Amino acid sequence: MSTIWKEIQLKMLHSGSKLNLLIGINIIVFLLINVPAVFETLFFRSSNIATLTDEYLLLPASLHKLLTHFWTPLTYMFMHAGIFHILFNMLWLYWFGQIFEEYLGKKRTLGLYLMGGFAGAIFFVVSFNTFPFYTYNHAADLTGPLVGASASVMAIIVATATLLPDYTIPLILIGPVKLKWLAIVFVVMDFLGVTGFNAGGELAHLGGALIGFIYIKQLQKGNDMVGNIAKIFKPRPNMKVVASNPSGKSSGAPRQEEIDLILDKISRSGYDSLTKQEKEILFRASNES
């Protein structure tokens, strides 16, 4: 058991990947809450743990309740309603998170995950307190509080698809699909569901999707909203000692202009269109972040 725990710690804390950290946190939180809740239900036919979790860790739509539960815009994005809920969220996070970290480094995932979750929370709360459909029908009482990492995952999905629109992945029973079409299908499905039984979740997905799109578009302009890759885009000192390099290849960190051009090229033509030198520049930039 100690060996397994050490391997988990290594993956989560020492691999350098924030993707592993996020997946680990979600799974650990899920188990810490649900395993005791199952035993409590078996012996006492009900679970105070589940009741307290819903009350204090999920995001309410009520502004009055939100004032006294101000931490829930953070905690809700690490909670899940069931085994299949967390399973599919973590699978999508893993699949798209790997691509995201491959091309933009391992230190950006956490920031975008949090931004997507907060954007989803804002969409959820504002919509349920603004649009007549929700206020008149007391939708907040019918659908309950917001729960799940879906908004955060959608931010990473859409961000990856915006950066690499023509990147192709194989889907079971469907075949090769470009990321842009997959993201578009998800967004359209979420929009069509904003008046359905999971209206709150669909609204949160749209918030996450929007922030993922905006993040990449701003990143391509040299504006890092997360702040994790500032070292790539910030100007270099005017005076620096550079060693002679007979091969003519740059040995220093990539410049802002180089990264901008490469990201624009990926957005237009996909990663495969990059030359070997451009791929090396992007790789060095990721390591510098």
Protein backbone atom coordinates (compact mmCIF):
# COMPACT_ATOMS: atom_id res chain seq x y z
CA MET A 1 0.00 0.00 0.00
CA SER A 2 2.86 2.38 0.83
CA THR A 3 4.34 1.74 -2.61
CA ILE A 4 1.05 2.62 -4.29
CA TRP A 5 0.78 5.82 -2.25
CA LYS A 6 4.33 6.79 -3.19
CA GLU A 7 3.54 6.26 -6.87
CA ILE A 8 0.44 8.45 -6.53
CA GLN A 9 2.47 11.18 -4.84
CA LEU A 10 5.10 10.95 -7.56
CA LYS A 11 2.50 11.32 -10.31
CA MET A 12 0.65 14.16 -8.61
CA LEU A 13 3.41 16.22 -7.06
CA HIS A 14 6.69 15.43 -8.78
CA SER A 15 5.84 14.77 -12.44
CA GLY A 16 5.59 18.49 -13.21
CA SER A 17 2.18 17.92 -14.81
CA LYS A 18 -0.69 19.95 -13.36
CA LEU A 19 -3.01 17.61 -15.23
CA ASN A 20 -2.00 14.73 -12.97
CA LEU A 21 -2.42 16.97 -9.93
CA LEU A 22 -5.95 18.00 -10.92
CA ILE A 23 -7.11 14.48 -11.69
CA GLY A 24 -5.60 13.26 -8.42
CA ILE A 25 -7.31 15.96 -6.36
CA ASN A 26 -10.70 15.24 -7.95
CA ILE A 27 -10.43 11.50 -7.34
CA ILE A 28 -9.17 11.86 -3.77
CA VAL A 29 -11.93 14.34 -2.86
CA PHE A 30 -14.54 12.05 -4.42
CA LEU A 31 -13.32 9.02 -2.46
CA LEU A 32 -12.90 10.87 0.84
CA ILE A 33 -16.54 11.99 0.69
CA ASN A 34 -18.29 9.04 -0.91
CA VAL A 35 -16.60 6.05 0.73
CA PRO A 36 -17.59 7.15 4.29
CA ALA A 37 -21.02 8.21 2.97
CA VAL A 38 -21.66 4.70 1.63
CA PHE A 39 -20.79 3.09 4.98
CA GLU A 40 -22.92 5.63 6.84
CA THR A 41 -25.88 4.88 4.58
CA LEU A 42 -25.45 1.12 4.98
CA PHE A 43 -25.57 1.32 8.78
CA PHE A 44 -27.90 4.28 9.37
CA ARG A 45 -30.00 4.28 6.13
CA SER A 46 -29.06 7.91 5.46
CA SER A 47 -25.93 10.00 5.17
CA ASN A 48 -25.24 13.23 6.99
CA ILE A 49 -21.97 13.42 5.06
CA ALA A 50 -23.80 13.67 1.74
CA THR A 51 -26.23 16.23 3.17
CA LEU A 52 -23.47 18.43 4.58
CA THR A 53 -21.47 18.15 1.35
CA ASP A 54 -24.42 19.33 -0.73
CA GLU A 55 -25.07 22.17 1.68
CA TYR A 56 -21.55 23.53 2.11
CA LEU A 57 -19.44 22.51 -0.90
CA LEU A 58 -21.77 22.82 -3.91
CA LEU A 59 -22.50 26.17 -5.58
CA PRO A 60 -25.95 27.64 -4.86
CA ALA A 61 -27.76 29.88 -7.34
CA SER A 62 -29.22 32.02 -4.58
CA LEU A 63 -27.28 35.26 -4.11
CA HIS A 64 -28.29 35.42 -0.47
CA LYS A 65 -26.99 31.93 0.22
CA LEU A 66 -23.87 32.56 -1.85
CA LEU A 67 -22.90 35.42 0.46
CA THR A 68 -22.68 32.99 3.37
CA HIS A 69 -21.14 30.21 1.25
CA PHE A 70 -18.60 32.36 -0.58
CA TRP A 71 -16.08 29.52 -0.92
CA THR A 72 -18.37 27.36 -3.07
CA PRO A 73 -17.33 28.88 -6.45
CA LEU A 74 -14.02 27.11 -5.80
CA THR A 75 -15.11 23.92 -4.05
CA TYR A 76 -17.90 22.98 -6.48
CA MET A 77 -15.45 22.40 -9.34
CA PHE A 78 -13.79 19.55 -7.42
CA MET A 79 -17.07 17.83 -6.50
CA HIS A 80 -19.04 15.21 -8.45
CA ALA A 81 -22.54 13.77 -8.26
CA GLY A 82 -21.67 10.14 -8.95
CA ILE A 83 -19.18 7.65 -10.28
CA PHE A 84 -20.05 8.17 -13.95
CA HIS A 85 -20.00 11.94 -13.50
CA ILE A 86 -16.40 11.96 -12.30
CA LEU A 87 -15.37 9.16 -14.68
CA PHE A 88 -16.32 10.99 -17.87
CA ASN A 89 -15.11 14.36 -16.61
CA MET A 90 -11.70 12.93 -15.77
CA LEU A 91 -11.47 11.04 -19.07
CA TRP A 92 -12.15 14.18 -21.11
CA LEU A 93 -9.79 16.15 -18.89
CA TYR A 94 -7.06 13.56 -19.40
CA TRP A 95 -7.50 13.27 -23.19
CA PHE A 96 -7.58 16.97 -23.92
CA GLY A 97 -5.28 17.95 -21.08
CA GLN A 98 -2.51 15.81 -22.52
CA ILE A 99 -2.77 17.59 -25.87
CA PHE A 100 -2.97 20.97 -24.14
CA GLU A 101 0.15 20.34 -22.07
CA GLU A 102 2.03 18.87 -25.02
CA TYR A 103 1.82 22.12 -26.98
CA LEU A 104 1.60 24.76 -24.26
CA GLY A 105 3.63 23.22 -21.45
CA LYS A 106 2.70 21.73 -18.09
CA LYS A 107 2.25 24.88 -16.02
CA ARG A 108 -0.85 26.34 -17.66
CA THR A 109 -3.45 23.66 -17.03
CA LEU A 110 -4.21 24.52 -13.42
CA GLY A 111 -4.80 28.20 -14.14
CA LEU A 112 -7.14 27.51 -17.05
CA TYR A 113 -8.99 24.84 -15.03
CA LEU A 114 -9.69 27.39 -12.28
CA MET A 115 -10.61 30.12 -14.74
CA GLY A 116 -13.04 27.81 -16.50
CA GLY A 117 -14.62 26.81 -13.21
CA PHE A 118 -15.05 30.41 -12.07
CA ALA A 119 -16.49 31.40 -15.47
CA GLY A 120 -18.96 28.54 -15.23
CA ALA A 121 -19.96 29.66 -11.74
CA ILE A 122 -20.56 33.22 -12.96
CA PHE A 123 -22.68 32.05 -15.91
CA PHE A 124 -24.72 29.84 -13.60
CA VAL A 125 -25.38 32.40 -10.86
CA VAL A 126 -25.97 35.38 -13.16
CA SER A 127 -28.28 33.47 -15.51
CA PHE A 128 -30.39 32.00 -12.72
CA ASN A 129 -30.85 35.46 -11.23
CA THR A 130 -31.40 37.34 -14.50
CA PHE A 131 -33.30 35.44 -17.20
CA PRO A 132 -37.08 35.30 -16.64
CA PHE A 133 -37.22 31.62 -17.59
CA TYR A 134 -35.18 30.71 -14.52
CA THR A 135 -36.46 33.32 -12.05
CA TYR A 136 -40.15 32.85 -12.91
CA ASN A 137 -39.99 29.07 -12.83
CA HIS A 138 -37.80 28.99 -9.71
CA ALA A 139 -35.31 26.91 -11.65
CA ALA A 140 -32.75 27.13 -8.87
CA ASP A 141 -35.08 25.20 -6.57
CA LEU A 142 -35.78 22.60 -9.24
CA THR A 143 -32.24 21.91 -10.46
CA GLY A 144 -30.40 22.38 -7.17
CA PRO A 145 -26.82 23.67 -6.70
CA LEU A 146 -24.05 23.40 -9.28
CA VAL A 147 -21.63 20.50 -8.99
CA GLY A 148 -18.79 19.10 -11.07
CA ALA A 149 -15.62 19.91 -12.98
CA SER A 150 -17.43 20.10 -16.32
CA ALA A 151 -17.01 23.87 -16.78
CA SER A 152 -13.28 23.58 -16.08
CA VAL A 153 -12.98 20.63 -18.44
CA MET A 154 -14.88 22.51 -21.16
CA ALA A 155 -12.42 25.38 -20.84
CA ILE A 156 -9.54 23.02 -21.58
CA ILE A 157 -11.44 21.27 -24.41
CA VAL A 158 -12.31 24.50 -26.19
CA ALA A 159 -8.90 26.04 -25.55
CA THR A 160 -7.21 23.00 -27.09
CA ALA A 161 -9.58 23.02 -30.06
CA THR A 162 -9.03 26.75 -30.58
CA LEU A 163 -5.26 26.33 -30.55
CA LEU A 164 -5.26 23.16 -32.68
CA PRO A 165 -8.53 23.20 -34.67
CA ASP A 166 -7.38 20.64 -37.25
CA TYR A 167 -5.80 18.24 -34.75
CA THR A 168 -7.49 14.87 -35.33
CA ILE A 169 -8.34 12.24 -32.73
CA PRO A 170 -10.01 8.83 -33.26
CA LEU A 171 -13.43 8.27 -31.68
CA ILE A 172 -15.01 4.86 -31.17
CA LEU A 173 -17.76 4.12 -33.74
CA ILE A 174 -17.12 7.47 -35.44
CA GLY A 175 -13.51 7.48 -36.58
CA PRO A 176 -11.12 10.43 -36.97
CA VAL A 177 -12.61 13.76 -35.87
CA LYS A 178 -11.02 17.21 -35.86
CA LEU A 179 -11.02 18.97 -32.50
CA LYS A 180 -12.86 22.01 -33.87
CA TRP A 181 -15.89 19.92 -34.85
CA LEU A 182 -15.92 18.12 -31.52
CA ALA A 183 -15.84 21.39 -29.60
CA ILE A 184 -18.57 22.90 -31.78
CA VAL A 185 -20.82 19.90 -31.19
CA PHE A 186 -20.30 20.16 -27.43
CA VAL A 187 -21.07 23.88 -27.35
CA VAL A 188 -24.21 23.51 -29.51
CA MET A 189 -25.48 20.65 -27.34
CA ASP A 190 -24.89 22.71 -24.20
CA PHE A 191 -26.72 25.71 -25.66
CA LEU A 192 -29.72 23.60 -26.66
CA GLY A 193 -29.85 22.23 -23.12
CA VAL A 194 -30.02 25.53 -21.20
CA THR A 195 -33.79 25.14 -20.79
CA GLY A 196 -33.65 21.44 -19.94
CA PHE A 197 -33.40 19.46 -16.71
CA ASN A 198 -29.64 20.18 -16.37
CA ALA A 199 -29.89 23.86 -17.24
CA GLY A 200 -27.40 24.92 -14.58
CA GLY A 201 -24.76 22.49 -15.78
CA GLU A 202 -25.20 23.48 -19.41
CA LEU A 203 -24.85 27.17 -18.55
CA ALA A 204 -21.67 26.43 -16.64
CA HIS A 205 -20.30 24.50 -19.63
CA LEU A 206 -20.88 27.53 -21.85
CA GLY A 207 -19.03 29.76 -19.39
CA GLY A 208 -16.07 27.41 -19.37
CA ALA A 209 -16.11 27.12 -23.16
CA LEU A 210 -16.11 30.89 -23.57
CA ILE A 211 -13.14 31.43 -21.26
CA GLY A 212 -11.20 28.66 -23.01
CA PHE A 213 -11.74 30.34 -26.39
CA ILE A 214 -10.88 33.81 -25.08
CA TYR A 215 -7.78 32.52 -23.31
CA ILE A 216 -6.19 31.10 -26.46
CA LYS A 217 -7.12 34.11 -28.59
CA GLN A 218 -5.53 36.42 -26.03
CA LEU A 219 -2.52 34.14 -25.72
CA GLN A 220 -1.97 34.33 -29.47
CA LYS A 221 -1.85 38.11 -29.09
CA GLY A 222 0.81 37.82 -26.41
CA ASN A 223 -1.56 38.42 -23.48
CA ASP A 224 -1.45 35.57 -20.96
CA MET A 225 -4.60 35.82 -18.85
CA VAL A 226 -3.46 33.08 -16.48
CA GLY A 227 0.00 34.51 -15.93
CA ASN A 228 1.74 31.14 -16.02
CA ILE A 229 3.61 31.77 -19.26
CA ALA A 230 4.64 35.37 -18.73
CA LYS A 231 8.28 34.40 -19.08
CA ILE A 232 7.68 33.37 -22.69
CA PHE A 233 6.16 36.66 -23.75
CA LYS A 234 7.87 39.28 -21.57
CA PRO A 235 10.61 41.33 -23.28
CA ARG A 236 14.17 40.15 -22.78
CA PRO A 237 16.83 42.48 -21.36
CA ASN A 238 18.47 44.68 -23.97
CA MET A 239 21.97 43.80 -22.81
CA LYS A 240 22.92 40.16 -22.40
CA VAL A 241 26.00 38.13 -23.12
CA VAL A 242 25.46 35.61 -25.92
CA ALA A 243 27.97 32.90 -26.62
CA SER A 244 29.15 32.39 -30.15
CA ASN A 245 27.13 29.73 -31.99
CA PRO A 246 28.74 28.64 -35.30
CA SER A 247 25.67 26.61 -36.31
CA GLY A 248 23.60 29.76 -36.54
CA LYS A 249 20.80 28.29 -34.34
CA SER A 250 19.47 30.32 -31.46
CA SER A 251 20.50 28.91 -28.08
CA GLY A 252 18.58 31.39 -25.92
CA ALA A 253 14.92 31.44 -24.89
CA PRO A 254 12.45 32.04 -27.73
CA ARG A 255 11.39 35.63 -28.30
CA GLN A 256 7.80 36.85 -28.06
CA GLU A 257 7.56 37.40 -31.81
CA GLU A 258 8.67 33.84 -32.55
CA ILE A 259 6.06 32.34 -30.24
CA ASP A 260 3.30 34.59 -31.64
CA LEU A 261 4.05 33.53 -35.20
CA ILE A 262 4.18 29.83 -34.32
CA LEU A 263 0.90 29.94 -32.37
CA ASP A 264 -0.77 31.77 -35.24
CA LYS A 265 0.50 29.15 -37.69
CA ILE A 266 -0.82 26.33 -35.49
CA SER A 267 -4.20 28.04 -35.30
CA ARG A 268 -4.39 28.40 -39.09
CA SER A 269 -2.81 25.18 -40.33
CA GLY A 270 -2.38 22.81 -37.40
CA TYR A 271 0.69 21.56 -35.57
CA ASP A 272 1.77 19.29 -38.43
CA SER A 273 2.42 22.33 -40.62
CA LEU A 274 5.30 23.46 -38.39
CA THR A 275 8.87 22.97 -39.51
CA LYS A 276 11.33 21.04 -37.36
CA GLN A 277 12.93 24.28 -36.20
CA GLU A 278 9.55 25.77 -35.23
CA LYS A 279 8.71 22.65 -33.23
CA GLU A 280 12.04 22.95 -31.42
CA ILE A 281 11.31 26.60 -30.59
CA LEU A 282 7.88 25.69 -29.21
CA PHE A 283 9.41 22.87 -27.18
CA ARG A 284 12.04 25.20 -25.66
CA ALA A 285 9.35 27.76 -24.89
CA SER A 286 7.32 25.13 -23.03
CA ASN A 287 10.34 24.14 -20.96
CA GLU A 288 10.99 27.78 -20.10
CA SER A 289 7.48 28.25 -18.75
